[in-house]
């Protein structure tokens, strides 16, 4: 590397490392949002299943009497 001081090289490495850290944090935030979205969908599905189970229990309790 002609014309590049040691200080410039070290600065370039530090800036590159910081850029990689920022990009990694961005990816982690995106993944966390996806996981949160999946958790919300699972919660909605379990609420629907619970509602259906309550309805089925009411139907069976009505038939037993």
PDB file of N, CA and C in Angstrom:
ATOM      1  N   UNK A   1       0.841  -1.171   0.000  1.00  0.00           N
ATOM      2  CA  UNK A   1       0.000   0.000   0.000  1.00  0.00           C
ATOM      3  C   UNK A   1       0.890   1.238   0.000  1.00  0.00           C
ATOM      4  N   UNK A   2       0.988   1.841  -1.136  1.00  0.00           N
ATOM      5  CA  UNK A   2       1.859   2.997  -1.287  1.00  0.00           C
ATOM      6  C   UNK A   2       1.122   4.242  -0.805  1.00  0.00           C
ATOM      7  N   UNK A   3       1.763   5.027   0.016  1.00  0.00           N
ATOM      8  CA  UNK A   3       1.207   6.300   0.449  1.00  0.00           C
ATOM      9  C   UNK A   3       0.244   6.201   1.621  1.00  0.00           C
ATOM     10  N   UNK A   4       0.069   5.034   2.216  1.00  0.00           N
ATOM     11  CA  UNK A   4      -0.839   4.879   3.343  1.00  0.00           C
ATOM     12  C   UNK A   4      -0.012   4.713   4.612  1.00  0.00           C
ATOM     13  N   UNK A   5      -0.243   5.633   5.539  1.00  0.00           N
ATOM     14  CA  UNK A   5       0.463   5.539   6.815  1.00  0.00           C
ATOM     15  C   UNK A   5      -0.109   4.417   7.657  1.00  0.00           C
ATOM     16  N   UNK A   6       0.638   4.067   8.671  1.00  0.00           N
ATOM     17  CA  UNK A   6       0.173   3.055   9.608  1.00  0.00           C
ATOM     18  C   UNK A   6      -1.082   3.540  10.342  1.00  0.00           C
ATOM     19  N   UNK A   7      -1.113   4.828  10.670  1.00  0.00           N
ATOM     20  CA  UNK A   7      -2.267   5.396  11.380  1.00  0.00           C
ATOM     21  C   UNK A   7      -3.524   5.325  10.511  1.00  0.00           C
ATOM     22  N   UNK A   8      -3.385   5.600   9.227  1.00  0.00           N
ATOM     23  CA  UNK A   8      -4.536   5.523   8.315  1.00  0.00           C
ATOM     24  C   UNK A   8      -5.024   4.087   8.186  1.00  0.00           C
ATOM     25  N   UNK A   9      -4.098   3.161   8.136  1.00  0.00           N
ATOM     26  CA  UNK A   9      -4.471   1.751   8.052  1.00  0.00           C
ATOM     27  C   UNK A   9      -5.220   1.309   9.313  1.00  0.00           C
ATOM     28  N   UNK A  10      -4.716   1.705  10.473  1.00  0.00           N
ATOM     29  CA  UNK A  10      -5.383   1.350  11.729  1.00  0.00           C
ATOM     30  C   UNK A  10      -6.766   1.989  11.791  1.00  0.00           C
ATOM     31  N   UNK A  11      -6.880   3.248  11.358  1.00  0.00           N
ATOM     32  CA  UNK A  11      -8.164   3.933  11.342  1.00  0.00           C
ATOM     33  C   UNK A  11      -9.147   3.232  10.402  1.00  0.00           C
ATOM     34  N   UNK A  12      -8.666   2.785   9.254  1.00  0.00           N
ATOM     35  CA  UNK A  12      -9.531   2.078   8.310  1.00  0.00           C
ATOM     36  C   UNK A  12     -10.036   0.771   8.909  1.00  0.00           C
ATOM     37  N   UNK A  13      -9.162   0.054   9.616  1.00  0.00           N
ATOM     38  CA  UNK A  13      -9.561  -1.204  10.255  1.00  0.00           C
ATOM     39  C   UNK A  13     -10.596  -0.936  11.341  1.00  0.00           C
ATOM     40  N   UNK A  14     -10.388   0.113  12.129  1.00  0.00           N
ATOM     41  CA  UNK A  14     -11.336   0.446  13.197  1.00  0.00           C
ATOM     42  C   UNK A  14     -12.687   0.827  12.606  1.00  0.00           C
ATOM     43  N   UNK A  15     -12.688   1.638  11.564  1.00  0.00           N
ATOM     44  CA  UNK A  15     -13.950   2.050  10.935  1.00  0.00           C
ATOM     45  C   UNK A  15     -14.654   0.843  10.315  1.00  0.00           C
ATOM     46  N   UNK A  16     -13.897  -0.040   9.693  1.00  0.00           N
ATOM     47  CA  UNK A  16     -14.491  -1.250   9.124  1.00  0.00           C
ATOM     48  C   UNK A  16     -15.110  -2.139  10.196  1.00  0.00           C
ATOM     49  N   UNK A  17     -14.419  -2.259  11.326  1.00  0.00           N
ATOM     50  CA  UNK A  17     -14.941  -3.058  12.439  1.00  0.00           C
ATOM     51  C   UNK A  17     -16.221  -2.450  12.996  1.00  0.00           C
ATOM     52  N   UNK A  18     -16.235  -1.146  13.166  1.00  0.00           N
ATOM     53  CA  UNK A  18     -17.444  -0.473  13.656  1.00  0.00           C
ATOM     54  C   UNK A  18     -18.607  -0.630  12.683  1.00  0.00           C
ATOM     55  N   UNK A  19     -18.318  -0.542  11.402  1.00  0.00           N
ATOM     56  CA  UNK A  19     -19.373  -0.726  10.397  1.00  0.00           C
ATOM     57  C   UNK A  19     -19.932  -2.151  10.463  1.00  0.00           C
ATOM     58  N   UNK A  20     -19.072  -3.131  10.663  1.00  0.00           N
ATOM     59  CA  UNK A  20     -19.529  -4.511  10.780  1.00  0.00           C
ATOM     60  C   UNK A  20     -20.391  -4.693  12.025  1.00  0.00           C
ATOM     61  N   UNK A  21     -20.018  -4.048  13.121  1.00  0.00           N
ATOM     62  CA  UNK A  21     -20.812  -4.143  14.352  1.00  0.00           C
ATOM     63  C   UNK A  21     -22.181  -3.521  14.144  1.00  0.00           C
ATOM     64  N   UNK A  22     -22.230  -2.359  13.516  1.00  0.00           N
ATOM     65  CA  UNK A  22     -23.517  -1.692  13.261  1.00  0.00           C
ATOM     66  C   UNK A  22     -24.402  -2.558  12.364  1.00  0.00           C
ATOM     67  N   UNK A  23     -23.822  -3.141  11.326  1.00  0.00           N
ATOM     68  CA  UNK A  23     -24.596  -4.000  10.434  1.00  0.00           C
ATOM     69  C   UNK A  23     -25.124  -5.223  11.186  1.00  0.00           C
ATOM     70  N   UNK A  24     -24.297  -5.802  12.041  1.00  0.00           N
ATOM     71  CA  UNK A  24     -24.727  -6.971  12.811  1.00  0.00           C
ATOM     72  C   UNK A  24     -25.871  -6.620  13.751  1.00  0.00           C
ATOM     73  N   UNK A  25     -25.791  -5.459  14.384  1.00  0.00           N
ATOM     74  CA  UNK A  25     -26.890  -5.016  15.254  1.00  0.00           C
ATOM     75  C   UNK A  25     -28.168  -4.806  14.459  1.00  0.00           C
ATOM     76  N   UNK A  26     -28.038  -4.288  13.254  1.00  0.00           N
ATOM     77  CA  UNK A  26     -29.208  -4.098  12.385  1.00  0.00           C
ATOM     78  C   UNK A  26     -29.866  -5.440  12.070  1.00  0.00           C
ATOM     79  N   UNK A  27     -29.050  -6.421  11.734  1.00  0.00           N
ATOM     80  CA  UNK A  27     -29.579  -7.756  11.431  1.00  0.00           C
ATOM     81  C   UNK A  27     -30.237  -8.363  12.667  1.00  0.00           C
ATOM     82  N   UNK A  28     -29.626  -8.198  13.832  1.00  0.00           N
ATOM     83  CA  UNK A  28     -30.205  -8.732  15.060  1.00  0.00           C
ATOM     84  C   UNK A  28     -31.553  -8.092  15.364  1.00  0.00           C
ATOM     85  N   UNK A  29     -31.675  -6.798  15.141  1.00  0.00           N
ATOM     86  CA  UNK A  29     -32.948  -6.108  15.378  1.00  0.00           C
ATOM     87  C   UNK A  29     -34.017  -6.626  14.418  1.00  0.00           C
ATOM     88  N   UNK A  30     -33.639  -6.838  13.164  1.00  0.00           N
ATOM     89  CA  UNK A  30     -34.604  -7.368  12.193  1.00  0.00           C
ATOM     90  C   UNK A  30     -35.059  -8.767  12.598  1.00  0.00           C
ATOM     91  N   UNK A  31     -34.130  -9.608  13.045  1.00  0.00           N
ATOM     92  CA  UNK A  31     -34.486 -10.958  13.475  1.00  0.00           C
ATOM     93  C   UNK A  31     -35.382 -10.919  14.709  1.00  0.00           C
ATOM     94  N   UNK A  32     -35.098 -10.002  15.631  1.00  0.00           N
ATOM     95  CA  UNK A  32     -35.915  -9.883  16.835  1.00  0.00           C
ATOM     96  C   UNK A  32     -37.335  -9.485  16.475  1.00  0.00           C
ATOM     97  N   UNK A  33     -37.479  -8.613  15.508  1.00  0.00           N
ATOM     98  CA  UNK A  33     -38.823  -8.210  15.060  1.00  0.00           C
ATOM     99  C   UNK A  33     -39.568  -9.382  14.445  1.00  0.00           C
ATOM    100  N   UNK A  34     -38.859 -10.194  13.670  1.00  0.00           N
ATOM    101  CA  UNK A  34     -39.504 -11.371  13.071  1.00  0.00           C
ATOM    102  C   UNK A  34     -39.945 -12.359  14.137  1.00  0.00           C
ATOM    103  N   UNK A  35     -39.092 -12.578  15.126  1.00  0.00           N
ATOM    104  CA  UNK A  35     -39.438 -13.500  16.215  1.00  0.00           C
ATOM    105  C   UNK A  35     -40.637 -12.968  16.987  1.00  0.00           C
ATOM    106  N   UNK A  36     -40.655 -11.660  17.239  1.00  0.00           N
ATOM    107  CA  UNK A  36     -41.789 -11.065  17.946  1.00  0.00           C
ATOM    108  C   UNK A  36     -43.072 -11.231  17.138  1.00  0.00           C
ATOM    109  N   UNK A  37     -42.974 -11.094  15.837  1.00  0.00           N
ATOM    110  CA  UNK A  37     -44.141 -11.292  14.978  1.00  0.00           C
ATOM    111  C   UNK A  37     -44.626 -12.734  15.037  1.00  0.00           C
ATOM    112  N   UNK A  38     -43.680 -13.683  15.023  1.00  0.00           N
ATOM    113  CA  UNK A  38     -44.067 -15.097  15.127  1.00  0.00           C
ATOM    114  C   UNK A  38     -44.711 -15.377  16.474  1.00  0.00           C
ATOM    115  N   UNK A  39     -44.180 -14.787  17.534  1.00  0.00           N
ATOM    116  CA  UNK A  39     -44.765 -14.985  18.860  1.00  0.00           C
ATOM    117  C   UNK A  39     -46.198 -14.457  18.912  1.00  0.00           C
ATOM    118  N   UNK A  40     -46.429 -13.310  18.279  1.00  0.00           N
ATOM    119  CA  UNK A  40     -47.787 -12.756  18.249  1.00  0.00           C
ATOM    120  C   UNK A  40     -48.729 -13.685  17.485  1.00  0.00           C
ATOM    121  N   UNK A  41     -48.260 -14.235  16.376  1.00  0.00           N
ATOM    122  CA  UNK A  41     -49.099 -15.161  15.608  1.00  0.00           C
ATOM    123  C   UNK A  41     -49.406 -16.424  16.413  1.00  0.00           C
ATOM    124  N   UNK A  42     -48.419 -16.943  17.114  1.00  0.00           N
ATOM    125  CA  UNK A  42     -48.633 -18.127  17.943  1.00  0.00           C
ATOM    126  C   UNK A  42     -49.618 -17.816  19.057  1.00  0.00           C
ATOM    127  N   UNK A  43     -49.484 -16.629  19.640  1.00  0.00           N
ATOM    128  CA  UNK A  43     -50.406 -16.241  20.708  1.00  0.00           C
ATOM    129  C   UNK A  43     -51.837 -16.137  20.178  1.00  0.00           C
ATOM    130  N   UNK A  44     -52.006 -15.569  18.984  1.00  0.00           N
ATOM    131  CA  UNK A  44     -53.349 -15.483  18.385  1.00  0.00           C
ATOM    132  C   UNK A  44     -53.922 -16.876  18.135  1.00  0.00           C
ATOM    133  N   UNK A  45     -53.085 -17.777  17.625  1.00  0.00           N
ATOM    134  CA  UNK A  45     -53.569 -19.132  17.347  1.00  0.00           C
ATOM    135  C   UNK A  45     -53.962 -19.853  18.626  1.00  0.00           C
ATOM    136  N   UNK A  46     -53.158 -19.708  19.680  1.00  0.00           N
ATOM    137  CA  UNK A  46     -53.507 -20.371  20.936  1.00  0.00           C
ATOM    138  C   UNK A  46     -54.774 -19.784  21.537  1.00  0.00           C
ATOM    139  N   UNK A  47     -54.983 -18.481  21.375  1.00  0.00           N
ATOM    140  CA  UNK A  47     -56.228 -17.882  21.854  1.00  0.00           C
ATOM    141  C   UNK A  47     -57.429 -18.426  21.092  1.00  0.00           C
ATOM    142  N   UNK A  48     -57.278 -18.630  19.785  1.00  0.00           N
ATOM    143  CA  UNK A  48     -58.373 -19.205  18.989  1.00  0.00           C
ATOM    144  C   UNK A  48     -58.662 -20.639  19.427  1.00  0.00           C
ATOM    145  N   UNK A  49     -57.595 -21.414  19.654  1.00  0.00           N
ATOM    146  CA  UNK A  49     -57.768 -22.797  20.092  1.00  0.00           C
ATOM    147  C   UNK A  49     -58.444 -22.837  21.452  1.00  0.00           C
ATOM    148  N   UNK A  50     -58.025 -21.965  22.360  1.00  0.00           N
ATOM    149  CA  UNK A  50     -58.638 -21.899  23.676  1.00  0.00           C
ATOM    150  C   UNK A  50     -60.116 -21.544  23.572  1.00  0.00           C
ATOM    151  N   UNK A  51     -60.437 -20.612  22.703  1.00  0.00           N
ATOM    152  CA  UNK A  51     -61.840 -20.228  22.507  1.00  0.00           C
ATOM    153  C   UNK A  51     -62.656 -21.417  21.982  1.00  0.00           C
ATOM    154  N   UNK A  52     -62.085 -22.142  21.029  1.00  0.00           N
ATOM    155  CA  UNK A  52     -62.775 -23.318  20.486  1.00  0.00           C
ATOM    156  C   UNK A  52     -62.946 -24.390  21.559  1.00  0.00           C
ATOM    157  N   UNK A  53     -61.942 -24.581  22.405  1.00  0.00           N
ATOM    158  CA  UNK A  53     -62.053 -25.576  23.475  1.00  0.00           C
ATOM    159  C   UNK A  53     -63.152 -25.208  24.457  1.00  0.00           C
ATOM    160  N   UNK A  54     -63.261 -23.934  24.772  1.00  0.00           N
ATOM    161  CA  UNK A  54     -64.327 -23.482  25.678  1.00  0.00           C
ATOM    162  C   UNK A  54     -65.688 -23.754  25.052  1.00  0.00           C
ATOM    163  N   UNK A  55     -65.821 -23.479  23.758  1.00  0.00           N
ATOM    164  CA  UNK A  55     -67.096 -23.754  23.081  1.00  0.00           C
ATOM    165  C   UNK A  55     -67.425 -25.243  23.089  1.00  0.00           C
ATOM    166  N   UNK A  56     -66.429 -26.077  22.844  1.00  0.00           N
ATOM    167  CA  UNK A  56     -66.649 -27.530  22.837  1.00  0.00           C
ATOM    168  C   UNK A  56     -67.042 -28.014  24.230  1.00  0.00           C
ATOM    169  N   UNK A  57     -66.373 -27.484  25.256  1.00  0.00           N
ATOM    170  CA  UNK A  57     -66.735 -27.871  26.628  1.00  0.00           C
ATOM    171  C   UNK A  57     -68.174 -27.476  26.949  1.00  0.00           C
ATOM    172  N   UNK A  58     -68.603 -26.310  26.508  1.00  0.00           N
ATOM    173  CA  UNK A  58     -69.979 -25.872  26.746  1.00  0.00           C
ATOM    174  C   UNK A  58     -70.973 -26.793  26.037  1.00  0.00           C
ATOM    175  N   UNK A  59     -70.614 -27.211  24.830  1.00  0.00           N
ATOM    176  CA  UNK A  59     -71.513 -28.104  24.080  1.00  0.00           C
ATOM    177  C   UNK A  59     -71.633 -29.446  24.796  1.00  0.00           C
ATOM    178  N   UNK A  60     -70.499 -30.013  25.230  1.00  0.00           N
ATOM    179  CA  UNK A  60     -70.547 -31.317  25.911  1.00  0.00           C
ATOM    180  C   UNK A  60     -71.238 -31.234  27.258  1.00  0.00           C
ATOM    181  N   UNK A  61     -71.067 -30.145  27.969  1.00  0.00           N
ATOM    182  CA  UNK A  61     -71.743 -29.982  29.247  1.00  0.00           C
ATOM    183  C   UNK A  61     -73.240 -29.878  29.042  1.00  0.00           C
ATOM    184  N   UNK A  62     -73.655 -29.255  27.962  1.00  0.00           N
ATOM    185  CA  UNK A  62     -75.083 -29.143  27.665  1.00  0.00           C
ATOM    186  C   UNK A  62     -75.695 -30.487  27.298  1.00  0.00           C
ATOM    187  N   UNK A  63     -74.947 -31.351  26.631  1.00  0.00           N
ATOM    188  CA  UNK A  63     -75.464 -32.674  26.222  1.00  0.00           C
ATOM    189  C   UNK A  63     -75.547 -33.633  27.399  1.00  0.00           C
ATOM    190  N   UNK A  64     -74.679 -33.472  28.384  1.00  0.00           N
ATOM    191  CA  UNK A  64     -74.665 -34.385  29.523  1.00  0.00           C
ATOM    192  C   UNK A  64     -75.892 -34.211  30.417  1.00  0.00           C
ATOM    193  N   UNK A  65     -76.426 -33.027  30.443  1.00  0.00           N
ATOM    194  CA  UNK A  65     -77.542 -32.762  31.354  1.00  0.00           C
ATOM    195  C   UNK A  65     -78.802 -33.343  30.874  1.00  0.00           C
TER     196      UNK A  65
END
